[in-house]
PDB file of N, CA and C in Angstrom:
ATOM      1  N   UNK A   1     -55.076 -73.664 149.782  1.00  0.00           N
ATOM      2  CA  UNK A   1     -54.794 -72.575 150.865  1.00  0.00           C
ATOM      3  C   UNK A   1     -55.532 -71.441 150.962  1.00  0.00           C
ATOM      4  N   UNK A   2     -56.584 -70.875 151.360  1.00  0.00           N
ATOM      5  CA  UNK A   2     -56.986 -69.584 151.741  1.00  0.00           C
ATOM      6  C   UNK A   2     -56.208 -68.715 152.097  1.00  0.00           C
ATOM      7  N   UNK A   3     -55.648 -67.383 151.483  1.00  0.00           N
ATOM      8  CA  UNK A   3     -55.435 -66.164 151.543  1.00  0.00           C
ATOM      9  C   UNK A   3     -56.370 -65.185 152.875  1.00  0.00           C
ATOM     10  N   UNK A   4     -55.627 -64.143 153.340  1.00  0.00           N
ATOM     11  CA  UNK A   4     -56.154 -63.469 154.465  1.00  0.00           C
ATOM     12  C   UNK A   4     -57.324 -62.847 153.905  1.00  0.00           C
ATOM     13  N   UNK A   5     -58.866 -62.711 154.441  1.00  0.00           N
ATOM     14  CA  UNK A   5     -59.864 -62.669 154.288  1.00  0.00           C
ATOM     15  C   UNK A   5     -60.337 -60.860 154.535  1.00  0.00           C
ATOM     16  N   UNK A   6     -60.633 -60.570 153.833  1.00  0.00           N
ATOM     17  CA  UNK A   6     -60.587 -58.741 154.216  1.00  0.00           C
ATOM     18  C   UNK A   6     -62.188 -58.381 154.533  1.00  0.00           C
ATOM     19  N   UNK A   7     -62.372 -58.175 155.731  1.00  0.00           N
ATOM     20  CA  UNK A   7     -63.593 -57.407 156.223  1.00  0.00           C
ATOM     21  C   UNK A   7     -63.264 -56.006 156.227  1.00  0.00           C
ATOM     22  N   UNK A   8     -65.358 -56.106 155.623  1.00  0.00           N
ATOM     23  CA  UNK A   8     -65.391 -54.557 154.974  1.00  0.00           C
ATOM     24  C   UNK A   8     -65.974 -53.945 156.415  1.00  0.00           C
ATOM     25  N   UNK A   9     -65.827 -54.379 157.331  1.00  0.00           N
ATOM     26  CA  UNK A   9     -66.386 -53.026 158.173  1.00  0.00           C
ATOM     27  C   UNK A   9     -64.873 -52.670 158.984  1.00  0.00           C
ATOM     28  N   UNK A  10     -63.832 -53.314 158.465  1.00  0.00           N
ATOM     29  CA  UNK A  10     -62.422 -52.729 159.042  1.00  0.00           C
ATOM     30  C   UNK A  10     -62.494 -51.510 158.122  1.00  0.00           C
ATOM     31  N   UNK A  11     -62.147 -50.379 158.676  1.00  0.00           N
ATOM     32  CA  UNK A  11     -61.640 -48.467 158.893  1.00  0.00           C
ATOM     33  C   UNK A  11     -60.803 -48.661 157.688  1.00  0.00           C
ATOM     34  N   UNK A  12     -59.541 -49.667 157.908  1.00  0.00           N
ATOM     35  CA  UNK A  12     -58.574 -49.734 156.681  1.00  0.00           C
ATOM     36  C   UNK A  12     -59.008 -50.327 155.055  1.00  0.00           C
ATOM     37  N   UNK A  13     -59.942 -50.803 155.678  1.00  0.00           N
ATOM     38  CA  UNK A  13     -60.542 -51.850 154.060  1.00  0.00           C
ATOM     39  C   UNK A  13     -61.391 -50.382 153.590  1.00  0.00           C
ATOM     40  N   UNK A  14     -61.890 -49.805 154.587  1.00  0.00           N
ATOM     41  CA  UNK A  14     -62.794 -48.877 153.371  1.00  0.00           C
ATOM     42  C   UNK A  14     -62.034 -47.406 152.999  1.00  0.00           C
ATOM     43  N   UNK A  15     -61.190 -47.536 154.110  1.00  0.00           N
ATOM     44  CA  UNK A  15     -60.420 -45.889 153.461  1.00  0.00           C
ATOM     45  C   UNK A  15     -59.322 -46.399 152.314  1.00  0.00           C
ATOM     46  N   UNK A  16     -59.112 -47.772 152.052  1.00  0.00           N
ATOM     47  CA  UNK A  16     -58.458 -47.810 151.432  1.00  0.00           C
ATOM     48  C   UNK A  16     -59.611 -48.203 149.477  1.00  0.00           C
ATOM     49  N   UNK A  17     -60.441 -48.605 149.508  1.00  0.00           N
ATOM     50  CA  UNK A  17     -61.763 -48.716 148.982  1.00  0.00           C
ATOM     51  C   UNK A  17     -62.035 -47.023 148.336  1.00  0.00           C
ATOM     52  N   UNK A  18     -62.457 -46.032 149.361  1.00  0.00           N
ATOM     53  CA  UNK A  18     -62.695 -45.019 149.111  1.00  0.00           C
ATOM     54  C   UNK A  18     -61.227 -44.416 148.113  1.00  0.00           C
ATOM     55  N   UNK A  19     -59.907 -44.669 148.457  1.00  0.00           N
ATOM     56  CA  UNK A  19     -58.760 -43.874 147.842  1.00  0.00           C
ATOM     57  C   UNK A  19     -59.109 -45.012 146.730  1.00  0.00           C
ATOM     58  N   UNK A  20     -58.680 -45.989 146.518  1.00  0.00           N
ATOM     59  CA  UNK A  20     -59.300 -46.379 145.006  1.00  0.00           C
ATOM     60  C   UNK A  20     -60.083 -45.793 144.024  1.00  0.00           C
ATOM     61  N   UNK A  21     -61.703 -45.647 144.519  1.00  0.00           N
ATOM     62  CA  UNK A  21     -62.782 -44.894 143.940  1.00  0.00           C
ATOM     63  C   UNK A  21     -62.242 -43.576 143.289  1.00  0.00           C
ATOM     64  N   UNK A  22     -61.987 -43.190 144.248  1.00  0.00           N
ATOM     65  CA  UNK A  22     -61.453 -41.639 143.696  1.00  0.00           C
ATOM     66  C   UNK A  22     -59.993 -41.562 143.019  1.00  0.00           C
ATOM     67  N   UNK A  23     -59.011 -42.436 142.882  1.00  0.00           N
ATOM     68  CA  UNK A  23     -58.237 -42.610 142.220  1.00  0.00           C
ATOM     69  C   UNK A  23     -59.023 -42.760 140.452  1.00  0.00           C
ATOM     70  N   UNK A  24     -59.431 -44.194 140.514  1.00  0.00           N
ATOM     71  CA  UNK A  24     -60.448 -44.081 139.243  1.00  0.00           C
ATOM     72  C   UNK A  24     -60.948 -43.099 138.951  1.00  0.00           C
ATOM     73  N   UNK A  25     -61.724 -42.258 139.841  1.00  0.00           N
ATOM     74  CA  UNK A  25     -62.432 -41.207 138.871  1.00  0.00           C
ATOM     75  C   UNK A  25     -62.016 -40.342 138.638  1.00  0.00           C
ATOM     76  N   UNK A  26     -60.822 -39.368 139.462  1.00  0.00           N
ATOM     77  CA  UNK A  26     -59.531 -38.387 138.848  1.00  0.00           C
ATOM     78  C   UNK A  26     -58.944 -39.420 137.545  1.00  0.00           C
ATOM     79  N   UNK A  27     -58.880 -40.265 137.517  1.00  0.00           N
ATOM     80  CA  UNK A  27     -58.010 -41.305 136.101  1.00  0.00           C
ATOM     81  C   UNK A  27     -58.910 -40.996 134.433  1.00  0.00           C
ATOM     82  N   UNK A  28     -60.270 -41.170 135.325  1.00  0.00           N
ATOM     83  CA  UNK A  28     -61.224 -41.179 134.118  1.00  0.00           C
ATOM     84  C   UNK A  28     -61.587 -39.855 133.741  1.00  0.00           C
ATOM     85  N   UNK A  29     -61.218 -38.611 134.714  1.00  0.00           N
ATOM     86  CA  UNK A  29     -61.401 -37.252 134.573  1.00  0.00           C
ATOM     87  C   UNK A  29     -60.034 -36.601 133.634  1.00  0.00           C
ATOM     88  N   UNK A  30     -58.882 -37.271 133.993  1.00  0.00           N
ATOM     89  CA  UNK A  30     -57.963 -36.519 133.204  1.00  0.00           C
ATOM     90  C   UNK A  30     -57.875 -37.402 132.107  1.00  0.00           C
ATOM     91  N   UNK A  31     -58.227 -38.442 131.656  1.00  0.00           N
ATOM     92  CA  UNK A  31     -58.511 -39.125 130.756  1.00  0.00           C
ATOM     93  C   UNK A  31     -59.911 -38.338 129.423  1.00  0.00           C
ATOM     94  N   UNK A  32     -60.333 -37.273 130.135  1.00  0.00           N
ATOM     95  CA  UNK A  32     -61.183 -37.119 128.874  1.00  0.00           C
ATOM     96  C   UNK A  32     -60.765 -36.564 127.944  1.00  0.00           C
ATOM     97  N   UNK A  33     -61.184 -37.057 126.722  1.00  0.00           N
ATOM     98  CA  UNK A  33     -60.570 -36.412 125.266  1.00  0.00           C
ATOM     99  C   UNK A  33     -60.957 -35.150 124.893  1.00  0.00           C
ATOM    100  N   UNK A  34     -61.235 -34.301 125.431  1.00  0.00           N
ATOM    101  CA  UNK A  34     -61.246 -33.192 125.082  1.00  0.00           C
ATOM    102  C   UNK A  34     -59.491 -32.129 126.250  1.00  0.00           C
ATOM    103  N   UNK A  35     -59.691 -32.849 127.578  1.00  0.00           N
ATOM    104  CA  UNK A  35     -58.327 -32.468 128.252  1.00  0.00           C
ATOM    105  C   UNK A  35     -57.517 -32.808 127.765  1.00  0.00           C
ATOM    106  N   UNK A  36     -56.802 -34.062 126.620  1.00  0.00           N
ATOM    107  CA  UNK A  36     -56.504 -34.200 126.031  1.00  0.00           C
ATOM    108  C   UNK A  36     -55.963 -34.294 125.111  1.00  0.00           C
ATOM    109  N   UNK A  37     -57.079 -33.642 124.404  1.00  0.00           N
ATOM    110  CA  UNK A  37     -56.598 -32.253 122.812  1.00  0.00           C
ATOM    111  C   UNK A  37     -55.819 -31.039 123.570  1.00  0.00           C
ATOM    112  N   UNK A  38     -56.343 -30.667 125.020  1.00  0.00           N
ATOM    113  CA  UNK A  38     -56.199 -29.637 124.579  1.00  0.00           C
ATOM    114  C   UNK A  38     -54.174 -29.387 125.474  1.00  0.00           C
ATOM    115  N   UNK A  39     -53.995 -31.004 125.660  1.00  0.00           N
ATOM    116  CA  UNK A  39     -52.681 -30.406 126.307  1.00  0.00           C
ATOM    117  C   UNK A  39     -52.215 -31.345 124.546  1.00  0.00           C
ATOM    118  N   UNK A  40     -52.207 -31.332 123.689  1.00  0.00           N
ATOM    119  CA  UNK A  40     -51.961 -31.884 122.545  1.00  0.00           C
ATOM    120  C   UNK A  40     -51.082 -33.424 122.610  1.00  0.00           C
ATOM    121  N   UNK A  41     -52.406 -33.820 123.248  1.00  0.00           N
ATOM    122  CA  UNK A  41     -51.492 -35.426 123.558  1.00  0.00           C
ATOM    123  C   UNK A  41     -52.437 -36.025 122.467  1.00  0.00           C
ATOM    124  N   UNK A  42     -53.915 -35.652 122.366  1.00  0.00           N
ATOM    125  CA  UNK A  42     -54.436 -36.199 121.196  1.00  0.00           C
ATOM    126  C   UNK A  42     -54.582 -35.134 119.723  1.00  0.00           C
ATOM    127  N   UNK A  43     -54.846 -35.915 118.813  1.00  0.00           N
ATOM    128  CA  UNK A  43     -55.203 -35.190 117.615  1.00  0.00           C
ATOM    129  C   UNK A  43     -57.180 -34.501 117.386  1.00  0.00           C
ATOM    130  N   UNK A  44     -57.032 -33.504 117.061  1.00  0.00           N
ATOM    131  CA  UNK A  44     -58.574 -33.091 116.934  1.00  0.00           C
ATOM    132  C   UNK A  44     -58.920 -34.029 115.980  1.00  0.00           C
ATOM    133  N   UNK A  45     -60.231 -34.607 116.708  1.00  0.00           N
ATOM    134  CA  UNK A  45     -61.227 -35.556 115.905  1.00  0.00           C
ATOM    135  C   UNK A  45     -62.050 -34.625 114.904  1.00  0.00           C
ATOM    136  N   UNK A  46     -62.320 -34.434 113.341  1.00  0.00           N
ATOM    137  CA  UNK A  46     -63.265 -33.151 113.673  1.00  0.00           C
ATOM    138  C   UNK A  46     -64.631 -33.827 113.509  1.00  0.00           C
ATOM    139  N   UNK A  47     -64.705 -35.458 113.149  1.00  0.00           N
ATOM    140  CA  UNK A  47     -65.855 -35.968 112.855  1.00  0.00           C
ATOM    141  C   UNK A  47     -66.863 -35.939 114.533  1.00  0.00           C
ATOM    142  N   UNK A  48     -66.206 -36.131 115.293  1.00  0.00           N
ATOM    143  CA  UNK A  48     -66.511 -35.863 117.263  1.00  0.00           C
ATOM    144  C   UNK A  48     -66.295 -34.624 117.583  1.00  0.00           C
ATOM    145  N   UNK A  49     -66.803 -33.478 116.941  1.00  0.00           N
ATOM    146  CA  UNK A  49     -66.672 -32.111 116.667  1.00  0.00           C
ATOM    147  C   UNK A  49     -67.982 -31.835 117.767  1.00  0.00           C
ATOM    148  N   UNK A  50     -67.835 -31.047 118.578  1.00  0.00           N
ATOM    149  CA  UNK A  50     -69.622 -30.652 120.012  1.00  0.00           C
ATOM    150  C   UNK A  50     -70.097 -29.569 118.579  1.00  0.00           C
ATOM    151  N   UNK A  51     -71.281 -30.409 119.219  1.00  0.00           N
ATOM    152  CA  UNK A  51     -72.427 -29.824 118.682  1.00  0.00           C
ATOM    153  C   UNK A  51     -72.954 -28.853 119.692  1.00  0.00           C
ATOM    154  N   UNK A  52     -72.961 -28.607 120.669  1.00  0.00           N
ATOM    155  CA  UNK A  52     -73.201 -26.748 121.317  1.00  0.00           C
ATOM    156  C   UNK A  52     -72.095 -26.620 121.648  1.00  0.00           C
ATOM    157  N   UNK A  53     -72.199 -25.606 122.776  1.00  0.00           N
ATOM    158  CA  UNK A  53     -71.120 -25.090 123.274  1.00  0.00           C
ATOM    159  C   UNK A  53     -70.506 -25.467 124.462  1.00  0.00           C
ATOM    160  N   UNK A  54     -71.263 -26.158 125.140  1.00  0.00           N
ATOM    161  CA  UNK A  54     -70.999 -26.779 126.053  1.00  0.00           C
ATOM    162  C   UNK A  54     -70.486 -28.594 125.896  1.00  0.00           C
ATOM    163  N   UNK A  55     -70.561 -28.302 125.202  1.00  0.00           N
ATOM    164  CA  UNK A  55     -70.032 -30.738 124.394  1.00  0.00           C
ATOM    165  C   UNK A  55     -68.423 -30.349 124.330  1.00  0.00           C
ATOM    166  N   UNK A  56     -67.909 -28.976 123.822  1.00  0.00           N
ATOM    167  CA  UNK A  56     -66.767 -29.158 123.935  1.00  0.00           C
ATOM    168  C   UNK A  56     -65.540 -28.863 125.135  1.00  0.00           C
ATOM    169  N   UNK A  57     -66.514 -28.186 126.407  1.00  0.00           N
ATOM    170  CA  UNK A  57     -65.454 -27.915 127.789  1.00  0.00           C
ATOM    171  C   UNK A  57     -64.891 -29.207 127.730  1.00  0.00           C
ATOM    172  N   UNK A  58     -63.582 -29.515 128.685  1.00  0.00           N
ATOM    173  CA  UNK A  58     -62.884 -30.496 129.069  1.00  0.00           C
ATOM    174  C   UNK A  58     -63.955 -31.018 130.524  1.00  0.00           C
ATOM    175  N   UNK A  59     -64.159 -32.301 130.674  1.00  0.00           N
ATOM    176  CA  UNK A  59     -64.756 -32.575 131.866  1.00  0.00           C
ATOM    177  C   UNK A  59     -66.490 -32.410 132.085  1.00  0.00           C
ATOM    178  N   UNK A  60     -66.657 -31.700 130.788  1.00  0.00           N
ATOM    179  CA  UNK A  60     -68.425 -31.626 130.606  1.00  0.00           C
ATOM    180  C   UNK A  60     -69.156 -32.954 131.134  1.00  0.00           C
ATOM    181  N   UNK A  61     -69.246 -33.565 130.552  1.00  0.00           N
ATOM    182  CA  UNK A  61     -69.768 -34.797 130.440  1.00  0.00           C
ATOM    183  C   UNK A  61     -69.762 -35.304 132.056  1.00  0.00           C
ATOM    184  N   UNK A  62     -68.658 -35.304 132.793  1.00  0.00           N
ATOM    185  CA  UNK A  62     -68.265 -35.922 134.384  1.00  0.00           C
ATOM    186  C   UNK A  62     -69.380 -34.664 135.244  1.00  0.00           C
ATOM    187  N   UNK A  63     -69.031 -33.599 134.880  1.00  0.00           N
ATOM    188  CA  UNK A  63     -69.725 -33.275 135.933  1.00  0.00           C
ATOM    189  C   UNK A  63     -71.217 -32.628 135.324  1.00  0.00           C
ATOM    190  N   UNK A  64     -71.478 -33.399 134.344  1.00  0.00           N
ATOM    191  CA  UNK A  64     -73.219 -33.246 133.789  1.00  0.00           C
ATOM    192  C   UNK A  64     -73.655 -34.367 134.427  1.00  0.00           C
ATOM    193  N   UNK A  65     -72.959 -35.314 134.449  1.00  0.00           N
ATOM    194  CA  UNK A  65     -73.608 -36.857 134.942  1.00  0.00           C
ATOM    195  C   UNK A  65     -73.994 -36.812 136.394  1.00  0.00           C
ATOM    196  N   UNK A  66     -72.502 -36.270 137.284  1.00  0.00           N
ATOM    197  CA  UNK A  66     -72.773 -35.861 138.601  1.00  0.00           C
ATOM    198  C   UNK A  66     -73.424 -35.174 139.182  1.00  0.00           C
ATOM    199  N   UNK A  67     -74.082 -34.216 138.550  1.00  0.00           N
ATOM    200  CA  UNK A  67     -74.999 -32.864 138.744  1.00  0.00           C
ATOM    201  C   UNK A  67     -76.429 -33.409 138.594  1.00  0.00           C
ATOM    202  N   UNK A  68     -76.562 -34.548 137.374  1.00  0.00           N
ATOM    203  CA  UNK A  68     -77.731 -35.370 136.806  1.00  0.00           C
ATOM    204  C   UNK A  68     -78.346 -35.972 137.803  1.00  0.00           C
ATOM    205  N   UNK A  69     -77.632 -37.425 138.561  1.00  0.00           N
ATOM    206  CA  UNK A  69     -77.354 -37.867 139.534  1.00  0.00           C
ATOM    207  C   UNK A  69     -77.851 -37.381 140.809  1.00  0.00           C
ATOM    208  N   UNK A  70     -76.768 -36.695 140.852  1.00  0.00           N
ATOM    209  CA  UNK A  70     -77.463 -35.765 142.305  1.00  0.00           C
ATOM    210  C   UNK A  70     -78.979 -35.091 142.017  1.00  0.00           C
ATOM    211  N   UNK A  71     -79.402 -34.209 141.449  1.00  0.00           N
ATOM    212  CA  UNK A  71     -80.842 -34.367 141.339  1.00  0.00           C
ATOM    213  C   UNK A  71     -81.425 -35.025 141.270  1.00  0.00           C
ATOM    214  N   UNK A  72     -81.559 -36.441 140.516  1.00  0.00           N
ATOM    215  CA  UNK A  72     -82.545 -37.611 140.662  1.00  0.00           C
ATOM    216  C   UNK A  72     -82.687 -38.043 142.103  1.00  0.00           C
ATOM    217  N   UNK A  73     -81.281 -38.023 143.135  1.00  0.00           N
ATOM    218  CA  UNK A  73     -81.079 -39.008 143.849  1.00  0.00           C
ATOM    219  C   UNK A  73     -82.067 -37.479 144.881  1.00  0.00           C
ATOM    220  N   UNK A  74     -82.067 -36.388 144.932  1.00  0.00           N
ATOM    221  CA  UNK A  74     -82.919 -35.463 145.836  1.00  0.00           C
ATOM    222  C   UNK A  74     -84.219 -35.336 145.437  1.00  0.00           C
ATOM    223  N   UNK A  75     -85.073 -35.497 143.931  1.00  0.00           N
ATOM    224  CA  UNK A  75     -86.409 -35.509 143.600  1.00  0.00           C
ATOM    225  C   UNK A  75     -86.270 -36.738 144.191  1.00  0.00           C
ATOM    226  N   UNK A  76     -85.686 -37.694 144.237  1.00  0.00           N
ATOM    227  CA  UNK A  76     -86.295 -39.040 145.115  1.00  0.00           C
ATOM    228  C   UNK A  76     -86.740 -39.378 146.352  1.00  0.00           C
ATOM    229  N   UNK A  77     -85.423 -38.344 146.900  1.00  0.00           N
ATOM    230  CA  UNK A  77     -86.165 -38.365 148.500  1.00  0.00           C
ATOM    231  C   UNK A  77     -86.986 -38.070 148.905  1.00  0.00           C
ATOM    232  N   UNK A  78     -86.754 -36.374 148.019  1.00  0.00           N
ATOM    233  CA  UNK A  78     -88.095 -36.231 149.012  1.00  0.00           C
ATOM    234  C   UNK A  78     -89.701 -35.550 147.848  1.00  0.00           C
ATOM    235  N   UNK A  79     -89.491 -35.895 146.932  1.00  0.00           N
ATOM    236  CA  UNK A  79     -90.702 -35.875 146.048  1.00  0.00           C
ATOM    237  C   UNK A  79     -91.335 -37.678 146.471  1.00  0.00           C
ATOM    238  N   UNK A  80     -90.691 -38.834 146.033  1.00  0.00           N
ATOM    239  CA  UNK A  80     -90.961 -39.986 145.851  1.00  0.00           C
ATOM    240  C   UNK A  80     -91.192 -40.337 147.601  1.00  0.00           C
ATOM    241  N   UNK A  81     -90.228 -39.809 148.353  1.00  0.00           N
ATOM    242  CA  UNK A  81     -90.262 -39.987 149.859  1.00  0.00           C
ATOM    243  C   UNK A  81     -91.567 -40.111 150.967  1.00  0.00           C
ATOM    244  N   UNK A  82     -92.481 -38.354 150.033  1.00  0.00           N
ATOM    245  CA  UNK A  82     -93.249 -37.740 150.158  1.00  0.00           C
ATOM    246  C   UNK A  82     -94.148 -39.019 150.075  1.00  0.00           C
ATOM    247  N   UNK A  83     -94.729 -39.613 148.619  1.00  0.00           N
ATOM    248  CA  UNK A  83     -95.739 -40.065 148.145  1.00  0.00           C
ATOM    249  C   UNK A  83     -95.805 -41.413 148.745  1.00  0.00           C
ATOM    250  N   UNK A  84     -94.515 -41.865 149.031  1.00  0.00           N
ATOM    251  CA  UNK A  84     -94.473 -43.449 149.345  1.00  0.00           C
ATOM    252  C   UNK A  84     -94.602 -43.746 151.222  1.00  0.00           C
ATOM    253  N   UNK A  85     -93.671 -42.513 151.516  1.00  0.00           N
ATOM    254  CA  UNK A  85     -93.250 -43.147 153.218  1.00  0.00           C
ATOM    255  C   UNK A  85     -94.953 -43.179 154.098  1.00  0.00           C
ATOM    256  N   UNK A  86     -95.121 -44.301 154.639  1.00  0.00           N
ATOM    257  CA  UNK A  86     -96.303 -44.000 155.550  1.00  0.00           C
ATOM    258  C   UNK A  86     -95.930 -43.818 156.971  1.00  0.00           C
ATOM    259  N   UNK A  87     -97.196 -43.137 157.733  1.00  0.00           N
ATOM    260  CA  UNK A  87     -96.622 -42.825 159.022  1.00  0.00           C
ATOM    261  C   UNK A  87     -96.006 -43.643 160.295  1.00  0.00           C
ATOM    262  N   UNK A  88     -95.596 -43.526 161.230  1.00  0.00           N
ATOM    263  CA  UNK A  88     -95.403 -44.560 162.479  1.00  0.00           C
ATOM    264  C   UNK A  88     -96.010 -44.738 162.873  1.00  0.00           C
ATOM    265  N   UNK A  89     -96.065 -45.852 163.346  1.00  0.00           N
ATOM    266  CA  UNK A  89     -97.337 -47.339 163.002  1.00  0.00           C
ATOM    267  C   UNK A  89     -97.847 -46.995 162.701  1.00  0.00           C
ATOM    268  N   UNK A  90     -97.303 -47.127 161.544  1.00  0.00           N
ATOM    269  CA  UNK A  90     -98.743 -47.811 160.480  1.00  0.00           C
ATOM    270  C   UNK A  90     -98.914 -49.008 160.135  1.00  0.00           C
ATOM    271  N   UNK A  91     -98.129 -50.100 159.863  1.00  0.00           N
ATOM    272  CA  UNK A  91     -98.156 -50.824 159.988  1.00  0.00           C
ATOM    273  C   UNK A  91     -99.292 -51.505 161.184  1.00  0.00           C
ATOM    274  N   UNK A  92     -98.419 -51.301 162.351  1.00  0.00           N
ATOM    275  CA  UNK A  92     -98.874 -52.102 163.769  1.00  0.00           C
ATOM    276  C   UNK A  92    -100.375 -52.029 163.787  1.00  0.00           C
ATOM    277  N   UNK A  93    -101.065 -51.012 163.377  1.00  0.00           N
ATOM    278  CA  UNK A  93    -102.974 -51.033 163.547  1.00  0.00           C
ATOM    279  C   UNK A  93    -103.527 -52.096 162.550  1.00  0.00           C
ATOM    280  N   UNK A  94    -104.703 -52.079 162.813  1.00  0.00           N
ATOM    281  CA  UNK A  94    -105.080 -53.257 162.518  1.00  0.00           C
ATOM    282  C   UNK A  94    -106.138 -52.153 161.817  1.00  0.00           C
ATOM    283  N   UNK A  95    -106.953 -52.377 160.414  1.00  0.00           N
ATOM    284  CA  UNK A  95    -107.726 -51.420 159.129  1.00  0.00           C
ATOM    285  C   UNK A  95    -108.817 -51.484 160.259  1.00  0.00           C
ATOM    286  N   UNK A  96    -109.336 -52.847 160.869  1.00  0.00           N
ATOM    287  CA  UNK A  96    -110.913 -52.962 161.826  1.00  0.00           C
ATOM    288  C   UNK A  96    -111.098 -52.368 162.932  1.00  0.00           C
ATOM    289  N   UNK A  97    -109.708 -52.393 163.804  1.00  0.00           N
ATOM    290  CA  UNK A  97    -109.878 -51.854 165.040  1.00  0.00           C
ATOM    291  C   UNK A  97    -108.609 -51.058 165.179  1.00  0.00           C
ATOM    292  N   UNK A  98    -108.779 -49.677 165.557  1.00  0.00           N
ATOM    293  CA  UNK A  98    -107.623 -49.064 165.977  1.00  0.00           C
ATOM    294  C   UNK A  98    -106.521 -49.379 167.267  1.00  0.00           C
ATOM    295  N   UNK A  99    -107.606 -49.744 168.145  1.00  0.00           N
ATOM    296  CA  UNK A  99    -106.808 -49.954 169.265  1.00  0.00           C
ATOM    297  C   UNK A  99    -106.311 -51.451 169.218  1.00  0.00           C
ATOM    298  N   UNK A 100    -106.666 -52.496 168.350  1.00  0.00           N
ATOM    299  CA  UNK A 100    -105.981 -53.869 168.699  1.00  0.00           C
ATOM    300  C   UNK A 100    -104.736 -53.734 166.981  1.00  0.00           C
ATOM    301  N   UNK A 101    -103.869 -54.800 167.208  1.00  0.00           N
ATOM    302  CA  UNK A 101    -103.054 -54.848 166.223  1.00  0.00           C
ATOM    303  C   UNK A 101    -104.202 -56.002 165.259  1.00  0.00           C
ATOM    304  N   UNK A 102    -103.023 -56.530 164.260  1.00  0.00           N
ATOM    305  CA  UNK A 102    -103.257 -57.864 162.945  1.00  0.00           C
ATOM    306  C   UNK A 102    -103.916 -58.734 163.649  1.00  0.00           C
ATOM    307  N   UNK A 103    -103.097 -59.645 165.141  1.00  0.00           N
ATOM    308  CA  UNK A 103    -103.561 -60.626 165.427  1.00  0.00           C
ATOM    309  C   UNK A 103    -104.442 -60.242 166.641  1.00  0.00           C
ATOM    310  N   UNK A 104    -105.274 -58.738 166.846  1.00  0.00           N
ATOM    311  CA  UNK A 104    -105.949 -58.794 168.389  1.00  0.00           C
ATOM    312  C   UNK A 104    -105.418 -58.467 169.364  1.00  0.00           C
ATOM    313  N   UNK A 105    -104.552 -58.662 169.406  1.00  0.00           N
ATOM    314  CA  UNK A 105    -103.605 -57.840 170.408  1.00  0.00           C
ATOM    315  C   UNK A 105    -104.159 -56.491 170.642  1.00  0.00           C
ATOM    316  N   UNK A 106    -104.228 -55.986 172.098  1.00  0.00           N
ATOM    317  CA  UNK A 106    -104.450 -54.542 172.439  1.00  0.00           C
ATOM    318  C   UNK A 106    -102.835 -53.893 172.427  1.00  0.00           C
ATOM    319  N   UNK A 107    -103.300 -52.615 171.619  1.00  0.00           N
ATOM    320  CA  UNK A 107    -101.975 -52.104 171.681  1.00  0.00           C
ATOM    321  C   UNK A 107    -101.008 -51.332 172.534  1.00  0.00           C
ATOM    322  N   UNK A 108    -100.145 -50.559 172.778  1.00  0.00           N
ATOM    323  CA  UNK A 108     -99.817 -49.924 174.217  1.00  0.00           C
ATOM    324  C   UNK A 108    -100.738 -48.839 173.922  1.00  0.00           C
ATOM    325  N   UNK A 109    -100.725 -47.553 174.895  1.00  0.00           N
ATOM    326  CA  UNK A 109    -100.959 -46.295 174.718  1.00  0.00           C
ATOM    327  C   UNK A 109     -99.827 -45.041 174.019  1.00  0.00           C
ATOM    328  N   UNK A 110     -98.879 -45.535 173.575  1.00  0.00           N
ATOM    329  CA  UNK A 110     -97.728 -44.710 172.803  1.00  0.00           C
ATOM    330  C   UNK A 110     -98.401 -43.964 172.121  1.00  0.00           C
ATOM    331  N   UNK A 111     -99.613 -43.370 171.824  1.00  0.00           N
ATOM    332  CA  UNK A 111     -99.612 -43.159 170.639  1.00  0.00           C
ATOM    333  C   UNK A 111     -99.171 -41.104 170.579  1.00  0.00           C
TER     334      UNK A 111
END
């Protein structure tokens, strides 16, 4: 016997997923070893001391990963998008005859 199906299009399901994602994200930030050291839950480990000043900041690596991911998305959207995007109607036109498509049919005059 099968259980109830979950539709990803259902707004309640989407809301539950977002709440779950935020819960996991918050849990990972709270369980950051530097925050646990500041709360005196973990003992300081001298073998894993910071090499730079920013390495010792609480939640630094979470913030660094988020900012780095955001920069990669923006660069790929802006720079690579300009390099790889084709103009509208690029694939409709035949390279041999600009007024006919690849199958020889006459194109509409909506240029």
